[in-house]
Protein backbone atom coordinates (compact mmCIF):
# COMPACT_ATOMS: atom_id res chain seq x y z
CA MET A 1 0.00 0.01 0.00
CA ASN A 2 1.40 3.40 -1.01
CA ILE A 3 1.40 5.97 1.79
CA SER A 4 1.74 9.75 1.58
CA ALA A 5 2.32 11.87 4.70
CA HIS A 6 2.97 15.45 5.70
CA GLY A 7 3.13 17.28 9.03
CA GLU A 8 3.19 20.89 10.22
CA THR A 9 3.59 22.41 13.67
CA ASP A 10 3.11 25.98 14.91
CA VAL A 11 3.64 27.79 18.21
CA GLY A 12 0.12 29.27 18.08
CA SER A 13 -0.95 32.81 18.90
CA VAL A 14 -0.42 32.79 22.67
CA ARG A 15 2.49 30.55 23.68
CA GLN A 16 6.10 31.73 23.54
CA HIS A 17 7.67 28.43 22.52
CA ASN A 18 6.54 25.20 20.88
CA GLU A 19 6.39 22.06 23.01
CA ASP A 20 4.81 19.94 20.24
CA PHE A 21 6.91 17.51 18.22
CA PHE A 22 6.04 15.20 15.33
CA LEU A 23 8.02 12.46 13.65
CA VAL A 24 7.73 10.58 10.36
CA ASP A 25 9.74 7.42 9.72
CA ALA A 26 8.35 5.94 6.52
CA GLU A 27 10.99 3.19 6.54
CA ILE A 28 9.33 1.47 9.51
CA GLY A 29 5.89 2.97 8.90
CA LEU A 30 5.88 5.17 12.03
CA TYR A 31 3.93 8.44 12.30
CA LEU A 32 3.89 10.16 15.68
CA VAL A 33 2.72 13.36 17.40
CA CYS A 34 3.76 14.35 20.94
CA ASP A 35 2.58 17.37 22.94
CA GLY A 36 4.82 18.39 25.85
CA MET A 37 2.80 19.05 28.97
CA GLY A 38 2.13 22.78 29.22
CA GLY A 39 3.16 24.44 32.45
CA HIS A 40 5.68 21.70 33.24
CA ALA A 41 9.43 21.93 33.05
CA ALA A 42 10.97 21.10 29.68
CA GLY A 43 7.83 19.97 27.88
CA ASP A 44 9.63 20.43 24.56
CA VAL A 45 12.44 18.15 25.76
CA ALA A 46 9.92 15.51 26.84
CA SER A 47 7.99 15.48 23.54
CA LYS A 48 11.15 15.21 21.41
CA MET A 49 12.67 12.58 23.68
CA ALA A 50 9.48 10.51 23.67
CA ALA A 51 9.23 10.49 19.88
CA GLU A 52 12.89 9.64 19.33
CA THR A 53 12.87 6.92 22.01
CA VAL A 54 9.79 5.29 20.49
CA GLN A 55 11.43 5.43 17.07
CA SER A 56 14.66 3.90 18.37
CA GLU A 57 12.85 1.13 20.26
CA LEU A 58 10.74 0.20 17.23
CA ARG A 59 13.74 0.19 14.90
CA GLN A 60 15.31 -2.40 17.20
CA ARG A 61 12.22 -4.55 16.62
CA ARG A 62 12.17 -3.96 12.88
CA ASP A 63 12.16 -7.70 12.13
CA ILE A 64 8.83 -8.05 13.89
CA LEU A 65 7.36 -5.03 12.09
CA LEU A 66 8.47 -6.40 8.71
CA ALA A 67 6.94 -9.78 9.52
CA VAL A 68 3.62 -8.13 10.39
CA ALA A 69 3.73 -6.02 7.20
CA ALA A 70 4.31 -9.20 5.19
CA GLY A 71 1.46 -11.04 6.88
CA LYS A 72 3.85 -13.49 8.53
CA ALA A 73 3.14 -12.33 12.10
CA ALA A 74 0.01 -11.22 13.92
CA PRO A 75 -0.61 -7.45 14.15
CA ASP A 76 -0.93 -7.87 17.92
CA GLU A 77 2.83 -8.50 18.00
CA ALA A 78 3.42 -5.02 16.54
CA ALA A 79 0.93 -3.58 19.04
CA ASP A 80 2.96 -5.14 21.86
CA CYS A 81 6.14 -3.60 20.40
CA PHE A 82 4.47 -0.18 20.22
CA ARG A 83 3.26 -0.46 23.81
CA GLN A 84 6.74 -1.44 25.03
CA ALA A 85 8.35 1.41 23.06
CA ILE A 86 6.09 4.03 24.67
CA GLN A 87 6.72 2.44 28.07
CA ALA A 88 10.46 2.74 27.42
CA ALA A 89 10.00 6.42 26.53
CA SER A 90 8.12 7.05 29.78
CA ASN A 91 10.89 5.41 31.79
CA ALA A 92 13.62 7.36 29.98
CA ILE A 93 11.89 10.72 30.47
CA HIS A 94 11.18 9.97 34.12
CA GLN A 95 14.81 9.01 34.72
CA LEU A 96 16.06 12.23 33.09
CA GLY A 97 13.71 14.20 35.35
CA LYS A 98 15.20 12.48 38.39
CA ASP A 99 18.76 13.16 37.25
CA ASP A 100 18.15 16.81 36.31
CA LYS A 101 16.04 18.77 38.79
CA SER A 102 15.32 21.47 36.20
CA LYS A 103 13.41 18.87 34.18
CA ARG A 104 11.67 17.12 37.07
CA GLY A 105 7.96 16.55 36.37
CA MET A 106 8.22 16.91 32.60
CA GLY A 107 5.90 14.81 30.48
CA THR A 108 4.17 14.55 27.15
CA THR A 109 1.20 13.11 25.37
CA CYS A 110 1.85 10.63 22.57
CA VAL A 111 -0.31 9.44 19.70
CA GLY A 112 1.10 7.41 16.86
CA VAL A 113 0.25 4.92 14.17
CA LEU A 114 2.31 2.15 12.63
CA VAL A 115 1.31 1.44 9.02
CA LEU A 116 2.28 -2.14 8.27
CA GLY A 117 0.92 -3.57 5.05
CA GLY A 118 -2.82 -3.09 5.18
CA LYS A 119 -2.92 -2.72 8.97
CA GLY A 120 -2.72 0.31 11.20
CA ILE A 121 -1.60 -0.03 14.82
CA MET A 122 -2.34 2.89 17.13
CA GLY A 123 -0.36 3.70 20.26
CA HIS A 124 -1.85 6.40 22.48
CA VAL A 125 -1.39 8.20 25.80
CA GLY A 126 -2.95 11.57 26.74
CA ASP A 127 -5.23 13.89 24.78
CA SER A 128 -3.56 14.13 21.39
CA ARG A 129 -5.84 12.38 18.91
CA LEU A 130 -5.99 10.00 15.97
CA TYR A 131 -8.84 10.48 13.49
CA LEU A 132 -9.69 8.21 10.56
CA SER A 133 -11.43 9.68 7.50
CA ARG A 134 -13.15 7.04 5.34
CA ALA A 135 -15.87 7.23 2.71
CA GLY A 136 -16.93 10.75 3.66
CA ALA A 137 -17.05 10.19 7.43
CA VAL A 138 -14.54 10.89 10.22
CA TYR A 139 -14.08 8.61 13.23
CA GLN A 140 -12.04 9.33 16.36
CA LEU A 141 -10.02 6.18 17.07
CA SER A 142 -8.29 7.46 20.22
CA GLU A 143 -10.02 8.27 23.50
CA ASP A 144 -8.78 11.25 25.50
CA HIS A 145 -7.15 10.45 28.81
CA THR A 146 -8.49 13.51 30.59
CA PHE A 147 -10.45 14.25 33.73
CA VAL A 148 -13.36 15.57 31.66
CA GLN A 149 -13.56 12.51 29.39
CA GLU A 150 -13.47 10.20 32.40
CA ALA A 151 -16.24 12.26 34.05
CA ILE A 152 -18.37 11.95 30.89
CA ARG A 153 -17.81 8.20 30.73
CA ARG A 154 -18.82 7.81 34.38
CA GLY A 155 -21.94 9.95 33.88
CA MET A 156 -20.74 12.69 36.24
CA ILE A 157 -21.15 15.42 33.62
CA THR A 158 -22.68 15.69 30.16
CA PRO A 159 -20.69 16.41 26.98
CA GLU A 160 -22.35 19.84 26.94
CA GLN A 161 -21.16 20.60 30.48
CA ALA A 162 -17.69 19.39 29.54
CA GLU A 163 -17.40 22.15 26.94
CA ASN A 164 -17.29 24.77 29.71
CA SER A 165 -15.39 22.78 32.31
CA PRO A 166 -12.30 24.50 33.75
CA HIS A 167 -10.67 21.05 33.83
CA HIS A 168 -10.96 20.31 30.10
CA ASN A 169 -7.16 20.14 29.62
CA LEU A 170 -6.36 18.17 32.79
CA VAL A 171 -4.60 15.04 31.50
CA THR A 172 -4.90 11.84 33.55
CA ARG A 173 -2.21 9.90 31.68
CA ALA A 174 1.08 11.12 30.23
CA VAL A 175 4.45 9.78 29.15
CA GLY A 176 7.19 10.67 31.63
CA PRO A 177 5.74 11.70 35.01
CA SER A 178 5.92 8.04 36.08
CA PRO A 179 8.39 5.36 34.96
CA SER A 180 5.52 3.40 33.43
CA VAL A 181 2.19 4.34 31.85
CA LEU A 182 -0.89 2.52 30.60
CA VAL A 183 -0.84 2.63 26.79
CA ASP A 184 -3.94 2.27 24.60
CA THR A 185 -3.43 0.26 21.41
CA LEU A 186 -5.80 -0.51 18.57
CA VAL A 187 -5.33 -2.65 15.46
CA PHE A 188 -7.42 -1.56 12.49
CA ASP A 189 -7.53 -2.05 8.73
CA ILE A 190 -6.28 0.69 6.43
CA LEU A 191 -8.10 0.82 3.11
CA PRO A 192 -7.16 2.63 -0.12
CA GLY A 193 -8.33 6.24 0.17
CA ASP A 194 -8.23 6.30 3.98
CA THR A 195 -6.80 9.46 5.53
CA MET A 196 -5.55 9.68 9.12
CA LEU A 197 -5.07 12.86 11.10
CA LEU A 198 -2.79 12.84 14.13
CA CYS A 199 -3.00 16.12 16.03
CA SER A 200 -2.42 17.88 19.34
CA ASP A 201 -5.22 19.44 21.35
CA GLY A 202 -4.21 22.84 20.03
CA LEU A 203 -5.89 21.74 16.80
CA HIS A 204 -8.76 19.45 17.76
CA GLY A 205 -9.86 21.87 20.46
CA TYR A 206 -11.00 24.22 17.70
CA TYR A 207 -12.67 21.53 15.57
CA LYS A 208 -15.69 20.27 17.54
CA ASP A 209 -17.61 19.22 14.43
CA HIS A 210 -16.50 15.99 12.77
CA GLY A 211 -18.22 17.13 9.61
CA GLU A 212 -15.86 20.09 9.39
CA LEU A 213 -12.88 17.78 9.86
CA SER A 214 -14.23 15.44 7.19
CA ASN A 215 -14.66 18.25 4.67
CA ALA A 216 -11.10 19.44 5.30
CA LEU A 217 -9.55 15.98 4.98
CA ARG A 218 -11.45 15.19 1.77
CA ARG A 219 -10.19 18.27 -0.04
CA PRO A 220 -8.24 17.47 -3.22
CA ASP A 221 -5.42 19.81 -2.10
CA GLU A 222 -1.95 18.52 -1.37
CA LEU A 223 -1.43 17.32 2.19
CA ASP A 224 0.85 20.24 3.05
CA ALA A 225 -1.86 22.71 2.05
CA ILE A 226 -4.44 20.91 4.23
CA CYS A 227 -2.04 20.98 7.22
CA LYS A 228 -1.43 24.70 6.72
CA THR A 229 -5.19 25.32 6.59
CA PHE A 230 -5.70 23.43 9.86
CA ILE A 231 -3.05 25.55 11.56
CA ALA A 232 -4.30 28.85 10.10
CA THR A 233 -7.88 28.08 11.16
CA SER A 234 -6.80 27.10 14.69
CA ASN A 235 -4.89 30.37 15.00
CA GLU A 236 -7.85 32.36 13.70
CA ARG A 237 -10.06 30.77 16.34
CA GLY A 238 -7.75 31.66 19.19
CA GLY A 239 -4.49 29.76 18.80
CA GLY A 240 -4.34 29.29 22.56
CA ASP A 241 -1.93 26.35 22.39
CA ASN A 242 0.74 24.86 20.16
CA ILE A 243 -0.77 23.37 17.01
CA THR A 244 0.37 20.22 15.22
CA ALA A 245 -1.22 18.37 12.31
CA LEU A 246 0.22 15.21 10.75
CA ILE A 247 -1.79 13.73 7.86
CA VAL A 248 -1.22 10.18 6.62
CA ARG A 249 -3.03 9.03 3.48
CA ALA A 250 -3.32 5.62 1.85
CA MET A 251 -3.33 6.13 -1.90
CA GLU A 252 -6.06 4.69 -4.08
CA SER A 253 -5.23 1.35 -5.71
CA THR A 254 -6.60 -0.80 -8.52
CA GLU A 255 -4.57 -3.89 -7.56
CA PRO A 256 -7.04 -6.82 -7.42
CA GLN A 257 -5.65 -8.14 -4.14
CA VAL A 258 -5.91 -4.71 -2.49
CA THR A 259 -9.42 -3.98 -3.74
CA ALA A 260 -10.62 -7.48 -2.74
CA ARG A 261 -9.35 -6.98 0.81
CA ALA A 262 -10.94 -3.53 0.99
CA SER A 263 -14.23 -4.94 -0.22
CA ARG A 264 -14.20 -7.68 2.40
CA VAL A 265 -13.25 -5.36 5.27
CA THR A 266 -16.03 -2.94 4.29
CA ALA A 267 -18.55 -5.77 4.07
CA GLU A 268 -17.48 -7.16 7.47
CA LEU A 269 -17.86 -3.85 9.29
CA ALA A 270 -21.20 -3.23 7.57
CA ALA A 271 -22.46 -6.69 8.56
CA LEU A 272 -21.43 -6.24 12.20
CA GLY A 273 -22.91 -2.75 12.33
CA HIS A 274 -26.31 -4.11 11.27
CA ILE A 275 -26.44 -6.65 14.08
CA VAL A 276 -28.76 -5.31 16.75
CA LEU A 277 -26.50 -6.52 19.56
CA PHE A 278 -23.61 -4.40 18.22
CA SER A 279 -25.59 -1.46 16.85
CA GLU A 280 -24.64 0.82 19.78
CA LEU A 281 -20.91 0.56 19.05
CA ASP A 282 -18.91 3.40 17.52
CA MET A 283 -16.23 2.75 14.89
CA LYS A 284 -13.41 2.22 17.40
CA GLU A 285 -15.49 -0.27 19.39
CA LEU A 286 -16.72 -2.00 16.24
CA VAL A 287 -13.11 -2.46 15.11
CA LYS A 288 -12.24 -4.03 18.49
CA VAL A 289 -15.14 -6.48 18.15
CA ASN A 290 -14.26 -7.25 14.54
CA ASN A 291 -10.69 -8.09 15.57
CA ALA A 292 -12.07 -10.78 17.88
CA PHE A 293 -13.85 -12.56 15.01
CA SER A 294 -12.16 -15.19 12.85
CA HIS A 295 -12.73 -15.51 9.12
CA LYS A 296 -14.58 -18.57 7.88
CA ASP A 297 -15.21 -19.56 4.25
CA TYR A 298 -17.77 -22.24 3.34
CA VAL A 299 -18.71 -23.80 0.01
CA ARG A 300 -22.17 -24.40 -1.37
CA ASP A 301 -24.14 -27.14 0.47
CA GLU A 302 -21.69 -27.16 3.37
CA VAL A 303 -23.32 -27.37 6.82
CA VAL A 304 -22.15 -24.66 9.23
CA VAL A 305 -23.99 -25.91 12.32
CA HIS A 306 -26.10 -29.03 12.93
CA GLU A 307 -29.33 -29.09 14.88
CA GLY A 308 -28.69 -30.58 18.33
CA ASP A 309 -24.96 -29.73 18.39
CA VAL A 310 -23.63 -28.00 21.47
CA ALA A 311 -21.56 -25.01 20.34
CA GLU A 312 -20.28 -21.65 21.60
CA THR A 313 -20.02 -19.56 18.42
CA LEU A 314 -21.85 -16.61 16.88
CA PHE A 315 -21.77 -16.49 13.06
CA VAL A 316 -22.23 -13.46 10.78
CA ILE A 317 -22.76 -13.85 7.04
CA VAL A 318 -20.61 -11.37 5.14
CA ARG A 319 -21.32 -12.72 1.66
CA GLY A 320 -23.57 -15.52 0.42
CA ALA A 321 -26.80 -17.08 1.65
CA ALA A 322 -27.81 -19.97 3.89
CA ALA A 323 -30.96 -21.94 4.71
CA VAL A 324 -32.10 -22.62 8.28
CA THR A 325 -33.93 -25.95 8.73
CA ARG A 326 -35.57 -27.45 11.77
CA ALA A 327 -36.51 -31.16 11.74
CA GLY A 328 -35.89 -31.17 7.99
CA THR A 329 -38.17 -28.21 7.25
CA GLN A 330 -36.78 -24.88 6.08
CA VAL A 331 -37.81 -22.14 8.50
CA ALA A 332 -35.67 -19.18 7.43
CA LEU A 333 -33.37 -17.81 4.77
CA LEU A 334 -30.24 -15.94 5.81
CA ARG A 335 -28.43 -13.45 3.58
CA ALA A 336 -25.41 -11.16 3.86
CA GLY A 337 -25.66 -9.11 7.04
CA ASP A 338 -27.68 -11.75 8.90
CA HIS A 339 -26.34 -13.62 11.92
CA PHE A 340 -27.14 -16.75 13.91
CA GLY A 341 -26.03 -18.45 17.10
CA GLU A 342 -25.85 -15.42 19.40
CA MET A 343 -27.48 -17.32 22.27
CA ALA A 344 -24.62 -19.82 22.10
CA LEU A 345 -22.41 -17.12 23.62
CA LEU A 346 -24.60 -17.06 26.72
CA SER A 347 -26.07 -20.54 27.23
CA ARG A 348 -25.13 -24.19 26.75
CA ARG A 349 -28.32 -25.10 24.92
CA PRO A 350 -27.96 -27.30 21.81
CA ARG A 351 -28.38 -25.67 18.41
CA SER A 352 -32.09 -25.37 17.63
CA ALA A 353 -31.63 -25.67 13.86
CA THR A 354 -29.28 -26.66 11.05
CA VAL A 355 -27.69 -23.97 8.86
CA ARG A 356 -26.61 -25.02 5.35
CA CYS A 357 -24.97 -22.78 2.74
CA LEU A 358 -27.03 -22.19 -0.43
CA LYS A 359 -23.95 -20.76 -2.16
CA ASP A 360 -20.33 -20.10 -1.33
CA CYS A 361 -20.24 -18.02 1.87
CA GLN A 362 -17.83 -15.74 3.66
CA MET A 363 -18.57 -15.57 7.37
CA LEU A 364 -17.24 -14.17 10.61
CA ALA A 365 -17.17 -16.38 13.71
CA LEU A 366 -16.97 -15.22 17.32
CA GLU A 367 -16.03 -17.88 19.86
CA ARG A 368 -17.29 -17.58 23.44
CA ASP A 369 -13.78 -17.21 24.91
CA ALA A 370 -13.00 -14.31 22.55
CA PHE A 371 -16.37 -12.77 23.40
CA TYR A 372 -15.60 -13.02 27.13
CA ASP A 373 -12.21 -11.37 26.56
CA ILE A 374 -13.96 -8.35 25.00
CA MET A 375 -16.50 -8.13 27.80
CA ARG A 376 -13.75 -8.22 30.43
CA SER A 377 -11.39 -5.79 28.71
CA ASP A 378 -13.86 -3.08 27.66
CA GLN A 379 -16.65 -2.18 30.05
CA THR A 380 -18.25 0.24 27.61
CA ILE A 381 -18.61 -2.43 24.92
CA ALA A 382 -19.94 -4.84 27.55
CA GLY A 383 -22.52 -2.30 28.74
CA LYS A 384 -23.70 -1.49 25.22
CA PHE A 385 -23.97 -5.18 24.32
CA LEU A 386 -25.96 -6.01 27.46
CA TRP A 387 -28.27 -3.01 26.91
CA ARG A 388 -29.13 -4.20 23.41
CA LEU A 389 -29.45 -7.79 24.59
CA ALA A 390 -31.95 -6.74 27.28
CA GLN A 391 -33.99 -4.77 24.72
CA THR A 392 -33.98 -7.71 22.32
CA LEU A 393 -35.17 -10.11 25.01
CA SER A 394 -37.89 -7.62 26.03
CA LEU A 395 -39.22 -7.56 22.48
CA ARG A 396 -39.16 -11.35 22.26
CA LEU A 397 -41.08 -11.69 25.52
CA ASP A 398 -43.71 -9.25 24.24
CA ASP A 399 -44.07 -11.33 21.09
CA ILE A 400 -44.58 -14.48 23.14
CA TYR A 401 -47.22 -12.86 25.35
CA ALA A 402 -49.05 -11.43 22.36
CA LEU A 403 -48.97 -14.64 20.33
CA GLN A 404 -50.00 -16.96 23.14
CA ASP A 405 -52.21 -14.48 25.01
CA LEU A 406 -50.48 -15.45 28.25
CA SER A 407 -50.27 -13.47 31.45
CA PRO A 408 -46.79 -12.28 32.46
CA PRO A 409 -45.34 -13.31 35.84
CA GLY A 410 -47.31 -11.75 38.69
CA GLY A 411 -50.75 -12.47 37.24
CA ASP A 412 -51.40 -9.13 35.51
CA THR A 413 -53.48 -9.69 32.42
CA ILE A 414 -52.53 -8.25 29.05
CA VAL A 415 -55.78 -6.51 28.21
CA ASP A 416 -54.94 -5.00 24.84
CA LYS A 417 -51.71 -6.90 24.08
CA ARG A 418 -49.62 -3.76 24.40
CA THR A 419 -46.10 -4.33 23.16
CA THR A 420 -42.75 -2.65 23.52
CA GLN A 421 -42.62 -2.63 19.73
CA LYS A 422 -45.78 -0.52 19.55
CA TYR A 423 -44.85 2.03 22.21
CA GLY A 424 -41.14 2.16 21.50
CA LEU A 425 -37.94 1.61 23.44
CA PHE A 426 -36.18 4.07 25.70
CA PRO A 427 -33.24 5.87 24.10
CA SER A 428 -29.79 4.48 24.75
CA PRO A 429 -28.05 5.68 27.91
CA PHE A 430 -24.82 5.69 25.87
CA ASP A 431 -25.84 8.44 23.44
CA GLY A 432 -23.24 11.21 23.51
CA ARG A 433 -20.90 9.25 25.75
């Protein structure tokens, strides 16, 4: 995959010196933005040191990065390397602060992406951000490590209240203040035409509307012109902090292998996004879930699951069609975007039907152990999944009561067969979070 990149940094309209630093190392596919912590000693030293330490550490692991780029090693191995490199940077900065009292307490944010073949691997600490622009939409792949963002996630304040919070720039994680730091990583697919923006808060603080970011990143201008526009606009709107923009773009391709992979990735994300149980997830969360699925290909007439089998796998049809039969009678037809077996993630009941492919099929499969790993590692995804599951079960219970004209537990009679479907569901508690 051909990659084009350009970065610009500016002191802004208020600050006297620039504590931001960005780095491009196309040889190992590394693109990085660091923002030295304002108000702390030697923030500019910390940001430069962090970037160069990460670069040095990753170059020492170049064999692993090359193996991932060639598809000979799992992307998670590169994510581990990235995590360890940022940890090494935090330790080095902290040690320098101990040795030199004038630099004690210095720190920096860090957001970077490794582009290895068709995969992107994010490494992130702090409130600098990584955005992905794809097919006319912009998605924030990083999550700010700030007091305000944590308060929003815990329901202490609303996003609207956060806009006016005096603590909006209070960072809860940084590289350097401690010898170690918790690093967020994310593995995601990079498709031809994708554009990534890595930026400091001196830029994204003036771009609240993702639509505005999307319009800017889709412009046909050269990348340097887009970076200059970001900086000029941020300065016009106040320029209260240092401003850094680093744009990384995957060039369009007509290679059959590249376009086939892009088509499959797009179809997979679309199929998962249409599943009710995952419909609350944003792009970053959907990517995490997609990474937990394995790819399965089946030929025409092949049986995917047999009635009566005990299994622990959810299946999603990405391409193709399948027939569902019970006791030899067809009861349903499944097409691309449909799924089956979700209850197998939660109960040990045998399969209630047989699923046979009517044509060649591409599917995604989620094993129970992988599902449990997601639920344990990401409480937000777990909460959204369980919310949708509860709503789905509520609708199914209503259908049973209406069809069988039964009384619900407690003896109350359904007089007019009122249903949740008729009167609607409550809005999600995760909206705006």
